[in-house]
N, C-alpha and C. Protein backbone atom coordinates (compact mmCIF):
# COMPACT_ATOMS: atom_id res chain seq x y z
N UNK A 1 59.51 182.07 145.78
CA UNK A 1 59.20 180.86 146.30
C UNK A 1 57.68 180.71 146.25
N UNK A 2 57.25 179.57 145.57
CA UNK A 2 55.92 179.39 145.36
C UNK A 2 55.42 178.57 146.61
N UNK A 3 54.09 178.89 147.09
CA UNK A 3 53.45 178.17 148.31
C UNK A 3 53.27 176.86 147.94
N UNK A 4 53.58 175.73 148.93
CA UNK A 4 53.24 174.52 148.76
C UNK A 4 51.87 173.98 148.45
N UNK A 5 51.64 173.34 147.36
CA UNK A 5 50.14 172.82 147.14
C UNK A 5 49.96 171.91 148.25
N UNK A 6 48.73 171.90 148.94
CA UNK A 6 48.09 171.16 150.04
C UNK A 6 48.01 169.69 149.69
N UNK A 7 47.89 169.52 148.38
CA UNK A 7 47.60 168.09 147.73
C UNK A 7 48.84 167.37 147.55
N UNK A 8 50.00 168.02 147.23
CA UNK A 8 51.34 167.46 147.22
C UNK A 8 52.11 167.43 148.35
N UNK A 9 51.71 167.55 149.37
CA UNK A 9 52.48 167.70 150.72
C UNK A 9 51.70 167.11 151.99
N UNK A 10 52.28 166.47 152.73
CA UNK A 10 51.60 165.75 153.87
C UNK A 10 52.62 165.86 154.87
N UNK A 11 52.39 166.29 156.16
CA UNK A 11 53.30 166.28 157.24
C UNK A 11 54.55 166.92 157.00
N UNK A 12 54.50 167.93 155.99
CA UNK A 12 55.79 168.63 155.56
C UNK A 12 56.77 167.86 154.51
N UNK A 13 56.07 166.77 153.98
CA UNK A 13 56.92 166.11 153.16
C UNK A 13 56.22 165.94 151.79
N UNK A 14 56.89 165.81 150.71
CA UNK A 14 56.32 165.60 149.38
C UNK A 14 55.69 164.15 149.27
N UNK A 15 54.50 164.19 148.81
CA UNK A 15 53.84 162.87 148.64
C UNK A 15 54.59 162.14 147.59
N UNK A 16 54.55 160.80 147.65
CA UNK A 16 55.03 159.81 146.69
C UNK A 16 54.20 159.68 145.55
N UNK A 17 54.75 159.68 144.27
CA UNK A 17 54.13 159.74 143.05
C UNK A 17 53.31 158.45 142.88
N UNK A 18 51.99 158.62 142.26
CA UNK A 18 51.05 157.57 142.18
C UNK A 18 51.56 156.43 141.52
N UNK A 19 52.75 156.39 140.67
CA UNK A 19 53.18 155.17 139.99
C UNK A 19 53.83 154.09 140.94
N UNK A 20 54.06 154.69 142.25
CA UNK A 20 54.77 153.71 143.15
C UNK A 20 53.52 153.01 144.12
N UNK A 21 52.35 153.28 143.88
CA UNK A 21 51.39 152.82 144.70
C UNK A 21 51.31 151.26 144.66
N UNK A 22 51.26 150.60 143.51
CA UNK A 22 51.28 149.18 143.37
C UNK A 22 52.37 148.46 144.35
N UNK A 23 53.32 149.11 144.56
CA UNK A 23 54.59 148.45 145.41
C UNK A 23 54.30 148.97 146.78
N UNK A 24 53.86 150.25 147.08
CA UNK A 24 53.71 150.82 148.48
C UNK A 24 52.71 150.28 149.23
N UNK A 25 51.57 149.90 148.56
CA UNK A 25 50.43 149.31 149.21
C UNK A 25 50.74 147.89 149.75
N UNK A 26 51.39 147.01 149.08
CA UNK A 26 51.74 145.66 149.59
C UNK A 26 52.92 145.73 150.57
N UNK A 27 53.83 146.70 150.52
CA UNK A 27 54.97 147.02 151.38
C UNK A 27 54.34 147.40 152.79
N UNK A 28 53.32 148.35 152.67
CA UNK A 28 52.78 148.75 154.10
C UNK A 28 51.92 147.59 154.61
N UNK A 29 51.25 146.87 153.74
CA UNK A 29 50.21 145.87 154.16
C UNK A 29 51.12 144.66 154.82
N UNK A 30 52.20 144.34 154.14
CA UNK A 30 53.14 143.26 154.75
C UNK A 30 53.80 143.70 155.92
N UNK A 31 54.21 145.01 155.98
CA UNK A 31 54.88 145.35 157.45
C UNK A 31 53.71 145.28 158.46
N UNK A 32 52.59 145.79 158.41
CA UNK A 32 51.44 145.84 159.38
C UNK A 32 51.13 144.35 159.74
N UNK A 33 50.85 143.58 158.88
CA UNK A 33 50.30 142.12 159.06
C UNK A 33 51.48 141.24 159.55
N UNK A 34 52.73 141.26 159.21
CA UNK A 34 53.67 140.50 159.77
C UNK A 34 53.94 140.91 161.10
N UNK A 35 53.84 142.21 161.32
CA UNK A 35 54.24 142.75 162.79
C UNK A 35 53.26 142.09 163.65
N UNK A 36 51.96 142.20 163.31
CA UNK A 36 50.88 141.64 164.22
C UNK A 36 50.87 140.23 164.47
N UNK A 37 50.98 139.55 163.45
CA UNK A 37 50.97 138.19 163.37
C UNK A 37 52.20 137.49 164.14
N UNK A 38 53.44 137.96 163.82
CA UNK A 38 54.46 137.58 164.45
C UNK A 38 54.60 137.92 165.85
N UNK A 39 53.85 139.14 166.37
CA UNK A 39 53.71 139.37 167.74
C UNK A 39 53.07 138.37 168.54
N UNK A 40 51.81 137.99 167.80
CA UNK A 40 50.68 136.94 168.50
C UNK A 40 51.47 135.60 168.64
N UNK A 41 52.25 135.14 167.48
CA UNK A 41 52.95 133.92 167.51
C UNK A 41 53.87 133.87 168.59
N UNK A 42 54.66 135.02 168.58
CA UNK A 42 55.84 134.94 169.59
C UNK A 42 55.26 135.00 171.16
N UNK A 43 54.04 135.85 171.23
CA UNK A 43 53.62 135.89 172.50
C UNK A 43 53.05 134.49 173.04
N UNK A 44 52.46 133.84 172.13
CA UNK A 44 51.84 132.30 172.29
C UNK A 44 52.99 131.48 172.72
N UNK A 45 54.10 131.51 172.00
CA UNK A 45 55.24 130.59 172.09
C UNK A 45 55.90 130.85 173.42
N UNK A 46 56.47 131.99 173.77
CA UNK A 46 57.12 132.27 174.70
C UNK A 46 56.47 133.01 175.98
N UNK A 47 55.47 133.64 175.88
CA UNK A 47 54.58 134.35 176.85
C UNK A 47 55.49 135.90 176.92
N UNK A 48 55.24 136.40 178.00
CA UNK A 48 55.74 137.70 178.38
C UNK A 48 57.07 137.57 178.97
N UNK A 49 58.05 136.92 178.29
CA UNK A 49 59.42 136.49 178.74
C UNK A 49 60.26 137.94 178.72
N UNK A 50 61.33 137.90 179.34
CA UNK A 50 62.23 139.12 179.46
C UNK A 50 62.91 139.59 178.08
N UNK A 51 63.01 138.43 177.21
CA UNK A 51 63.54 138.79 175.86
C UNK A 51 62.53 138.87 174.86
N UNK A 52 61.21 139.14 175.19
CA UNK A 52 60.26 139.08 174.35
C UNK A 52 60.33 140.03 173.18
N UNK A 53 60.74 141.36 173.36
CA UNK A 53 61.15 142.19 172.30
C UNK A 53 62.19 141.72 171.25
N UNK A 54 63.21 141.15 171.89
CA UNK A 54 64.27 140.67 170.92
C UNK A 54 63.78 139.59 170.27
N UNK A 55 63.09 138.52 170.73
CA UNK A 55 62.61 137.43 170.04
C UNK A 55 61.64 137.75 168.81
N UNK A 56 60.59 138.74 169.25
CA UNK A 56 59.68 139.17 168.44
C UNK A 56 60.27 139.91 167.18
N UNK A 57 61.19 140.75 167.47
CA UNK A 57 61.89 141.64 166.37
C UNK A 57 62.53 140.47 165.32
N UNK A 58 63.22 139.47 165.89
CA UNK A 58 63.94 138.76 164.90
C UNK A 58 62.67 137.84 164.01
N UNK A 59 61.62 137.53 164.70
CA UNK A 59 60.71 136.73 164.09
C UNK A 59 59.91 137.72 163.10
N UNK A 60 59.83 139.08 163.45
CA UNK A 60 58.96 139.93 162.46
C UNK A 60 59.86 140.02 161.25
N UNK A 61 61.17 140.35 161.51
CA UNK A 61 62.01 140.53 160.25
C UNK A 61 61.93 139.40 159.20
N UNK A 62 62.10 138.32 159.92
CA UNK A 62 62.24 137.00 158.91
C UNK A 62 60.68 136.84 158.30
N UNK A 63 59.55 137.21 159.00
CA UNK A 63 58.37 137.17 158.44
C UNK A 63 58.19 138.19 157.40
N UNK A 64 58.62 139.28 157.57
CA UNK A 64 58.44 140.34 156.49
C UNK A 64 59.30 140.06 155.36
N UNK A 65 60.43 139.55 155.63
CA UNK A 65 61.33 139.29 154.39
C UNK A 65 60.68 138.07 153.45
N UNK A 66 59.84 137.15 154.21
CA UNK A 66 59.06 136.32 153.31
C UNK A 66 57.66 136.88 152.77
N UNK A 67 56.99 137.48 153.60
CA UNK A 67 55.84 138.11 153.41
C UNK A 67 55.70 139.01 152.36
N UNK A 68 56.58 140.07 152.16
CA UNK A 68 56.56 141.17 151.20
C UNK A 68 56.63 140.75 149.88
N UNK A 69 57.65 139.69 149.64
CA UNK A 69 57.68 139.21 148.17
C UNK A 69 56.59 138.45 147.76
N UNK A 70 56.06 137.51 148.72
CA UNK A 70 54.85 136.74 148.66
C UNK A 70 53.70 137.55 148.35
N UNK A 71 53.50 138.73 148.84
CA UNK A 71 52.49 139.43 148.66
C UNK A 71 52.41 140.18 147.30
N UNK A 72 53.78 140.43 146.83
CA UNK A 72 53.85 141.09 145.63
C UNK A 72 53.44 140.17 144.33
N UNK A 73 53.64 138.98 144.76
CA UNK A 73 53.32 137.96 143.67
C UNK A 73 51.83 137.50 143.86
N UNK A 74 51.34 137.55 144.96
CA UNK A 74 49.98 136.92 145.16
C UNK A 74 48.91 137.85 144.92
N UNK A 75 49.05 139.03 145.39
CA UNK A 75 48.22 140.17 145.10
C UNK A 75 47.49 140.32 143.90
N UNK A 76 48.08 140.11 142.77
CA UNK A 76 47.30 140.27 141.49
C UNK A 76 46.40 139.16 141.17
N UNK A 77 46.77 138.09 141.77
CA UNK A 77 45.83 136.86 141.59
C UNK A 77 44.66 137.11 142.57
N UNK A 78 44.86 137.52 143.83
CA UNK A 78 44.00 137.84 144.65
C UNK A 78 42.84 138.89 144.23
N UNK A 79 43.40 139.81 143.55
CA UNK A 79 42.57 140.89 142.85
C UNK A 79 41.64 140.38 141.93
N UNK A 80 42.12 139.29 140.85
CA UNK A 80 41.37 138.65 140.00
C UNK A 80 40.33 137.78 140.49
N UNK A 81 40.58 137.03 141.59
CA UNK A 81 39.54 136.24 142.22
C UNK A 81 38.54 136.99 142.93
N UNK A 82 38.95 138.13 143.50
CA UNK A 82 37.71 139.12 144.15
C UNK A 82 36.84 139.67 143.03
N UNK A 83 37.46 140.09 141.84
CA UNK A 83 36.68 140.59 140.69
C UNK A 83 35.73 139.53 140.20
N UNK A 84 36.11 138.24 140.29
CA UNK A 84 35.18 137.17 139.91
C UNK A 84 34.02 136.96 140.78
N UNK A 85 34.27 137.18 142.01
CA UNK A 85 33.16 136.92 143.02
C UNK A 85 32.45 138.18 143.61
N UNK A 86 32.79 139.36 143.25
CA UNK A 86 32.18 140.54 143.62
C UNK A 86 31.38 141.10 142.45
N UNK A 87 30.19 141.59 142.63
CA UNK A 87 29.42 142.22 141.55
C UNK A 87 29.94 143.61 141.37
N UNK A 88 30.27 143.99 140.13
CA UNK A 88 30.62 145.40 139.94
C UNK A 88 29.37 146.31 140.12
N UNK A 89 30.09 147.47 140.41
CA UNK A 89 29.15 148.62 140.85
C UNK A 89 28.51 149.19 139.59
């Protein structure tokens, strides 16, 4: 059995192939952004109520179900806009 290549494994798991990066980046970004934004909105709406976690999770799931597909569609446009306004290296 060959030893594991340190570049192909992280935390004992095989790394995801590069071809999945265009979907993985918006997936992780949408999870993090919708999590934070929905938490802020939920806290602002109901405060530290006893059912905060339940209300926030429902809000977050709905936000993510909308946010991820929107991010997949909008990200190429945002990259083009950034390329128009940022000086290349």
